Every structure is written in C-alpha cells, then in structure tokens.
C-alpha cells in the first residue's frame, strides 16, 4: 500500500523535534511493506541543516515553499492508498489539509497526524473555523503522538471518527549507548530548543537548579539560547544534530527532560528525548506530568521532579552508581515495551482494522 505523508521534515531535525518520531514510525511501517513518500517544504533553513541522507525506506520529496510547489505535491495524493497530513508543517498547513481532503481518492484512508495535540486542541476551542475542525467530517481518523485519554476525549468531542495515540518510542539502531565525549561533559544536560511555551519551565527546572548548585556543571543544547541570561556554570552549545545525541546523553551524570506547558498540562506526552535518553542508558530526570509511569517507573527507571528545587536535590544526591543503575533499568524497559518496531506494529494493525471495516461496510 502507498502512503503519502505531508510533514515538517524527515531529513532535518533543525527546529523540528518531530523528526525522530517520523523517522522511527515510517521506518517501522516500511518493514510491513508500505511504500512511503514523505513530502516536506524547503523552509526554515532545514535543508541546509540535514542530519540524515534520504533513506532507503521512504522516498523523500522536498518541494519549494510556494503555491506552485504545493500544487505539485498535492497532485500526487490521488495516487495513494493512505494520505497523512501532519500538524506543524509550518508552511501552507491549512492548504495542505484542505488539499489532502480534496485530492485523495474516495476510498483512500485519510489521516490527520497531530504531533502537538494540546496546542491544536487549544486552537480549535478558540476558532470555530479552524481547518482541522472543518476537516474532521472528511477524515477517517486522527492519530496523535501523545495526550492519552484527555486528547482522545477532546477529539471525539469535536467529532473525530477515531482518535488513537501512537506514542514516541526508541529506534535502538539510532539511539543507543555511545562513548563519552568531552564536548558534553556536565553534571546535568538538557537538549531543548527555546520556545515560548517551554522557556518558563526551563528557567524553573534547569536554570534555577544551576543557580542553586554553582559548583556543578550544566550543559544546554538546542537553538535560540544565545542571548538568554544564564548562570556562569551553564554552557549553551547551540544546535546538536541527531548524530551527536547518543554522546550527548551518555556523557553527563544525568540528562533532563522538560515538557512544554501544554504537554505538561495534558499529560501522557513523553517527548522523543525521553526515549533517546533511555535507549542510551542515560539517567533521566524529568519534570512531573501525568502518565509518566506508563512509560518509565519513577525512582527506578526515571527520576521525577516537581520543581527546580527537586532537580537540585536529586542531582546533589545522585551518585555515579545510582545514575548508571537508573539508566540501565530505563534501557531495559524501553527495549522491551517502547520501540518503534512495536509502534509500527500498532499503526499497521490500525490500518488493517480500518480496511476490514471498510470491506465489511461495502
């Protein structure tokens, strides 16, 4: 079966946190025999910051971020069995969704894949003409990369035929233990782009502990932090490509995960960083959010902090031996329960179930 997938970027993780998720899910689906084409706009300097070559498990089409470029790629939707519009493409999002509905075959499976459901739902609540809200009657299902029961209930309440979370996971061929790298030496490291709805939480969970522990070393990777005032013991190193993520996770004593405001509020939304760190056997400290125990066991496979004071206390008392034990336990858990192979099996079953319902209704 052919899949046309319209997303932000498969080839670049630059200002594109969904890249790891797309790669993991689509690579796993390809192993089930799906013929996948990923359409991404040439926008936001992502093509100048590619961190993978075009893969052999999907055809990559980079199109100009113009009206003509949009028309050219939407014209291909009609030749596929499954058409996916992901959220957050950043260019022509409304037109892409309208085009997917209009251009796909009547018998095609039409999906909106929401990689930021909390934000999308907030927009829908405030805008009766929101494109996703208008498209729900013509979509067969909504898939999300997080959110759990609150997101499912909200989408069903808006009229979605189905809403199913497909959570982030680990590709053990990509993210795994690696040798330490002196570039990433620190007591606590955080990898996060500077975003308005996460900056306040990073101030609390990362910069506040750094100020409280002036003798500890803190490392911050990600875009946008160059002009942010920080304690002297914080080293900001800018964008870290996915090829360096394993060393980034394996070198520090611990790594930190900080959810965005909306994700923390709605819960059940582990970031890709959670599974990357666990796959590398890193000791992960995460801010508290509902549903964490579905993915990692607090105090055994992950350390959970309610605020910056908790982070400082956890870090101050974290021995190298305990950090290694937590990281190894996390790695065992995600390899057993949270790989993209397993997520791919889940999505394949979702597609097959839809096909079966369609045949029965014919």
Foldseek 3Di string as FASTA:
>chain_A
DEEEEEAQDCFFCAVNLCNLVVVLQQLLLLVVPYAYEYEAECDPCRVVHGDDDQDPSYHYHYFHLDPVRLVVSLLCQQVGQEYEYEPDNVGCSLVNLVSNLVRHDLNHAYEYEYAPQLVVLVVVVVDVVPSVLVCQVSHQEYEYQWQPPVSQVSVVVSPHNGYYYLHAAADLVQFAADDADVVQEWQEEEEDADDPQFPVQCCKAPQVLCVVCVVTAYEYEEPDCPPPDGPPRYDYDYHDGSNCLLNNLNRHLAYEDTDGNSDQVSFGHDRNNLNSNLRNLFAYEYEDHPPPCVQANDPQQHDYDPINVRNNVCSVPRDSVSRNRNSPRSNVRRVVPGGSNVSNVVVVVVVVVVVVVVVVVD
